[in-house]
Amino acid sequence: MDFGGLRAVDRLDLEIHCGEIVALIGPNGAGKTTFFNCITGIYTPTAGDIRIHPPGRETKRINGLKPNRVTELGLARTFQNIRLFHQMTVLENVMIGRHCRLRSGIPGAVFRPPHTVKEERQAVMDSYRILEKIGLERFVNDLAKNLPYGAQRRLEIARALATEPFLLLLDEPAAGMNPHETHELDQLILRLRETENVSILLIEHDMKLVMSLSDRIYVMDYGRKIAEGTPRQIKNDPAVIKAYLGEEYVA
């Protein structure tokens, strides 16, 4: 991915397999969020291929597709900086995530035929069930802006889950969380992998969280992949220690 004369992502080769939790780590400015933006349609890569193979469907190249189309195909993400609809309720935020799975269009919204009303009621029930899974049902009618910080982070995950993804992309989900909130997030991610049949790719700087959650880890520096492997392999990789972890972490 080039921005003028700057190459932000350079020959990054990465795979996520069904049911895996994979972490993408590296120093600030390494190109991690740019890579997420390429996957989710916010940027169109300058070169290369991004391919998905949803369960039970054919492999598809998604380069250049708009974000809404990428979401419809089964990829959903959260953001490094929380992007909720703060003046809407918790339930309404999750219902927005359900929009890509609804069939009623503008005529249905205007004329309100019975099938549209039924679909909307189902969307409310589905959204509430997701809040129960995430542990936010007690906030259902609260405005999103009034939630505690950790709950806002989880609400973003709930909204992403509402799109029914097969791959969930989490951009620094533990950023700004205290140790208790981070532990709850750790347990939530593991539970979602098991109960929602979803694969997870996360960017994260909390190395304790990364090492405890990940099946495999990719490491970036200056836009390139410098290492990949299991948490144990990454922890002891000299290139990773030099570029990111540091001698103190390994010790």
Protein backbone atom coordinates (compact mmCIF):
# COMPACT_ATOMS: atom_id res chain seq x y z
CA MET A 1 0.00 0.00 0.00
CA ASP A 2 1.61 3.21 -1.23
CA PHE A 3 0.80 6.76 -0.17
CA GLY A 4 2.65 8.88 -2.69
CA GLY A 5 6.31 7.99 -2.22
CA LEU A 6 5.71 6.18 1.09
CA ARG A 7 5.20 2.41 1.10
CA ALA A 8 3.17 1.73 4.24
CA VAL A 9 2.70 -2.02 3.65
CA ASP A 10 5.27 -3.95 1.62
CA ARG A 11 4.84 -7.58 0.52
CA LEU A 12 2.95 -8.66 3.61
CA ASP A 13 1.92 -12.31 3.30
CA LEU A 14 -0.54 -13.43 5.96
CA GLU A 15 -3.10 -16.23 6.39
CA ILE A 16 -5.82 -16.83 8.97
CA HIS A 17 -7.28 -20.32 9.15
CA CYS A 18 -10.76 -21.34 10.27
CA GLY A 19 -11.18 -21.13 14.05
CA GLU A 20 -7.85 -19.42 14.72
CA ILE A 21 -7.00 -16.42 16.86
CA VAL A 22 -4.14 -14.65 15.09
CA ALA A 23 -2.34 -11.52 16.33
CA LEU A 24 -0.61 -8.86 14.24
CA ILE A 25 1.92 -6.94 16.33
CA GLY A 26 4.69 -4.41 15.80
CA PRO A 27 5.86 -0.91 16.73
CA ASN A 28 3.64 2.13 16.23
CA GLY A 29 3.71 3.11 12.57
CA ALA A 30 4.58 -0.40 11.37
CA GLY A 31 1.54 -0.47 9.05
CA LYS A 32 -0.82 -2.68 11.04
CA THR A 33 -3.93 -0.47 10.88
CA THR A 34 -3.19 0.34 7.23
CA PHE A 35 -3.29 -3.39 6.56
CA PHE A 36 -6.65 -3.64 8.37
CA ASN A 37 -7.94 -0.78 6.22
CA CYS A 38 -6.88 -2.65 3.08
CA ILE A 39 -8.67 -5.81 4.18
CA THR A 40 -11.92 -4.04 5.07
CA GLY A 41 -12.25 -1.88 1.97
CA ILE A 42 -11.30 1.50 3.43
CA TYR A 43 -8.18 1.46 1.23
CA THR A 44 -7.64 -0.27 -2.09
CA PRO A 45 -4.17 -1.87 -2.05
CA THR A 46 -1.69 -0.54 -4.60
CA ALA A 47 -0.76 -4.11 -5.50
CA GLY A 48 -1.31 -7.68 -4.33
CA ASP A 49 -4.34 -9.84 -3.61
CA ILE A 50 -6.65 -10.16 -0.64
CA ARG A 51 -8.69 -13.37 -0.84
CA ILE A 52 -11.30 -14.83 1.46
CA HIS A 53 -12.72 -18.33 1.60
CA PRO A 54 -15.90 -18.19 3.70
CA PRO A 55 -17.07 -21.56 5.04
CA GLY A 56 -19.14 -23.33 2.42
CA ARG A 57 -18.47 -20.74 -0.28
CA GLU A 58 -15.98 -20.18 -3.06
CA THR A 59 -12.73 -18.24 -2.69
CA LYS A 60 -13.24 -14.58 -3.59
CA ARG A 61 -10.87 -11.69 -4.28
CA ILE A 62 -12.02 -8.63 -2.34
CA ASN A 63 -9.54 -5.96 -3.47
CA GLY A 64 -11.33 -2.69 -4.21
CA LEU A 65 -14.71 -3.70 -2.78
CA LYS A 66 -16.52 -1.06 -0.73
CA PRO A 67 -16.59 -1.53 3.07
CA ASN A 68 -20.30 -2.40 3.12
CA ARG A 69 -19.76 -5.15 0.56
CA VAL A 70 -16.79 -6.54 2.50
CA THR A 71 -19.00 -6.64 5.59
CA GLU A 72 -21.74 -8.47 3.71
CA LEU A 73 -19.17 -11.11 2.69
CA GLY A 74 -18.38 -11.84 6.34
CA LEU A 75 -15.62 -9.54 7.58
CA ALA A 76 -16.33 -7.18 10.49
CA ARG A 77 -14.03 -4.93 12.46
CA THR A 78 -13.64 -2.66 15.44
CA PHE A 79 -11.48 0.47 15.47
CA GLN A 80 -8.46 1.67 17.40
CA ASN A 81 -10.44 4.80 18.33
CA ILE A 82 -13.96 3.88 19.44
CA ARG A 83 -16.51 4.69 16.73
CA LEU A 84 -19.92 4.28 18.27
CA PHE A 85 -23.08 6.26 17.60
CA HIS A 86 -22.93 8.03 20.93
CA GLN A 87 -26.36 9.65 20.81
CA MET A 88 -28.06 6.30 20.12
CA THR A 89 -28.87 3.60 22.63
CA VAL A 90 -26.78 0.48 23.14
CA LEU A 91 -29.48 -1.62 21.44
CA GLU A 92 -29.70 0.75 18.47
CA ASN A 93 -25.94 0.56 17.97
CA VAL A 94 -26.13 -3.22 17.67
CA MET A 95 -29.18 -3.02 15.41
CA ILE A 96 -27.15 -0.93 12.97
CA GLY A 97 -24.83 -3.91 12.65
CA ARG A 98 -27.84 -6.07 11.71
CA HIS A 99 -28.68 -3.77 8.79
CA CYS A 100 -26.53 -5.64 6.26
CA ARG A 101 -28.53 -8.84 6.95
CA LEU A 102 -31.97 -7.26 6.48
CA ARG A 103 -33.87 -7.59 3.22
CA SER A 104 -36.30 -4.68 3.45
CA GLY A 105 -35.28 -1.68 1.39
CA ILE A 106 -36.57 1.87 1.13
CA PRO A 107 -40.11 0.83 -0.01
CA GLY A 108 -40.39 -1.42 3.04
CA ALA A 109 -39.33 1.40 5.35
CA VAL A 110 -41.90 3.73 3.78
CA PHE A 111 -44.92 1.44 3.43
CA ARG A 112 -44.24 -0.89 6.37
CA PRO A 113 -45.66 -4.18 5.00
CA PRO A 114 -46.05 -7.06 7.48
CA HIS A 115 -42.80 -8.80 6.44
CA THR A 116 -40.85 -5.61 7.13
CA VAL A 117 -42.39 -5.22 10.59
CA LYS A 118 -41.64 -8.88 11.36
CA GLU A 119 -38.04 -8.51 10.18
CA GLU A 120 -37.52 -5.43 12.35
CA ARG A 121 -38.89 -7.19 15.41
CA GLN A 122 -36.53 -10.10 14.74
CA ALA A 123 -33.62 -7.65 14.44
CA VAL A 124 -34.46 -6.26 17.89
CA MET A 125 -34.52 -9.75 19.42
CA ASP A 126 -31.30 -10.79 17.66
CA SER A 127 -29.55 -7.61 18.82
CA TYR A 128 -30.62 -8.15 22.42
CA ARG A 129 -29.31 -11.74 22.35
CA ILE A 130 -25.94 -10.44 21.19
CA LEU A 131 -25.89 -7.98 24.09
CA GLU A 132 -26.55 -10.89 26.43
CA LYS A 133 -23.61 -12.80 24.98
CA ILE A 134 -21.33 -9.79 25.43
CA GLY A 135 -22.66 -9.04 28.93
CA LEU A 136 -24.17 -5.64 28.11
CA GLU A 137 -27.89 -6.39 28.38
CA ARG A 138 -28.26 -4.24 31.52
CA PHE A 139 -27.26 -1.19 29.44
CA VAL A 140 -29.74 -1.95 26.63
CA ASN A 141 -31.59 1.41 26.76
CA ASP A 142 -28.65 3.58 27.85
CA LEU A 143 -27.03 5.99 25.44
CA ALA A 144 -23.74 4.62 24.16
CA LYS A 145 -21.88 7.72 25.36
CA ASN A 146 -22.86 6.98 28.98
CA LEU A 147 -21.28 3.51 29.07
CA PRO A 148 -18.05 2.88 31.01
CA TYR A 149 -15.02 2.80 28.74
CA GLY A 150 -14.59 -0.98 28.82
CA ALA A 151 -18.27 -1.46 28.03
CA GLN A 152 -17.96 0.85 25.02
CA ARG A 153 -15.16 -1.36 23.72
CA ARG A 154 -17.35 -4.43 24.12
CA LEU A 155 -20.26 -2.67 22.43
CA GLU A 156 -18.10 -2.21 19.33
CA ILE A 157 -17.49 -5.95 19.34
CA ALA A 158 -21.23 -6.58 19.76
CA ARG A 159 -22.02 -4.36 16.76
CA ALA A 160 -19.44 -6.21 14.67
CA LEU A 161 -20.89 -9.58 15.70
CA ALA A 162 -24.34 -8.41 14.60
CA THR A 163 -23.13 -8.56 11.00
CA GLU A 164 -22.63 -12.35 11.35
CA PRO A 165 -18.93 -12.40 10.40
CA PHE A 166 -16.76 -15.44 9.82
CA LEU A 167 -13.69 -13.25 10.47
CA LEU A 168 -13.65 -10.65 13.25
CA LEU A 169 -10.91 -8.01 13.08
CA LEU A 170 -10.12 -6.26 16.35
CA ASP A 171 -7.92 -3.15 16.22
CA GLU A 172 -6.33 -2.69 19.66
CA PRO A 173 -9.40 -3.89 21.60
CA ALA A 174 -7.64 -3.59 24.98
CA ALA A 175 -6.39 -0.02 24.43
CA GLY A 176 -7.09 2.10 27.51
CA MET A 177 -8.48 -0.78 29.58
CA ASN A 178 -7.52 -1.48 33.16
CA PRO A 179 -6.22 -4.97 34.12
CA HIS A 180 -9.68 -6.21 35.18
CA GLU A 181 -11.28 -5.06 31.91
CA THR A 182 -8.43 -6.62 29.93
CA HIS A 183 -8.93 -9.96 31.68
CA GLU A 184 -12.66 -9.84 30.87
CA LEU A 185 -11.82 -9.08 27.23
CA ASP A 186 -9.42 -12.03 27.13
CA GLN A 187 -12.19 -14.37 28.31
CA LEU A 188 -14.72 -12.81 25.93
CA ILE A 189 -12.54 -13.31 22.85
CA LEU A 190 -11.91 -16.95 23.73
CA ARG A 191 -15.62 -17.50 24.33
CA LEU A 192 -16.60 -15.90 21.02
CA ARG A 193 -14.19 -18.15 19.13
CA GLU A 194 -15.87 -21.19 20.64
CA THR A 195 -19.52 -20.15 20.61
CA GLU A 196 -19.80 -18.00 17.47
CA ASN A 197 -17.68 -20.13 15.12
CA VAL A 198 -15.63 -17.07 14.20
CA SER A 199 -11.94 -16.61 13.40
CA ILE A 200 -10.22 -13.58 14.94
CA LEU A 201 -7.40 -11.32 13.77
CA LEU A 202 -6.31 -8.73 16.30
CA ILE A 203 -3.85 -5.88 16.50
CA GLU A 204 -2.74 -5.39 20.07
CA HIS A 205 0.12 -3.88 22.10
CA ASP A 206 -0.72 -5.70 25.35
CA MET A 207 1.77 -8.55 25.04
CA LYS A 208 0.32 -10.50 27.97
CA LEU A 209 -3.03 -10.56 26.18
CA VAL A 210 -1.44 -11.44 22.83
CA MET A 211 0.64 -14.29 24.21
CA SER A 212 -2.24 -15.80 26.16
CA LEU A 213 -4.80 -15.62 23.33
CA SER A 214 -3.00 -16.23 20.07
CA ASP A 215 -2.59 -19.46 18.18
CA ARG A 216 -0.14 -17.71 15.86
CA ILE A 217 1.45 -14.27 15.69
CA TYR A 218 2.71 -12.13 12.80
CA VAL A 219 5.15 -9.30 13.46
CA MET A 220 5.50 -6.18 11.28
CA ASP A 221 8.16 -3.49 11.19
CA TYR A 222 8.38 -0.67 8.65
CA GLY A 223 5.52 -2.18 6.64
CA ARG A 224 7.08 -5.62 6.26
CA LYS A 225 6.63 -8.95 7.96
CA ILE A 226 9.72 -9.75 10.01
CA ALA A 227 8.49 -12.88 11.79
CA GLU A 228 5.64 -15.33 12.23
CA GLY A 229 5.07 -18.26 14.54
CA THR A 230 3.60 -19.45 17.81
CA PRO A 231 3.75 -17.21 20.90
CA ARG A 232 6.76 -19.18 22.15
CA GLN A 233 8.61 -18.79 18.84
CA ILE A 234 7.86 -15.07 18.64
CA LYS A 235 8.90 -14.43 22.22
CA ASN A 236 12.37 -15.85 21.49
CA ASP A 237 12.87 -14.50 17.96
CA PRO A 238 15.96 -12.20 17.87
CA ALA A 239 14.50 -9.97 15.13
CA VAL A 240 11.30 -9.44 17.13
CA ILE A 241 13.21 -8.77 20.34
CA LYS A 242 15.29 -6.13 18.59
CA ALA A 243 12.43 -4.43 16.74
CA TYR A 244 9.63 -4.61 19.28
CA LEU A 245 9.69 -6.71 22.45
CA GLY A 246 13.02 -5.66 23.89
CA GLU A 247 15.44 -7.56 26.09
CA GLU A 248 13.52 -6.65 29.25
CA TYR A 249 10.36 -8.44 28.06
CA VAL A 250 12.24 -11.63 27.20
CA ALA A 251 14.10 -11.62 30.47
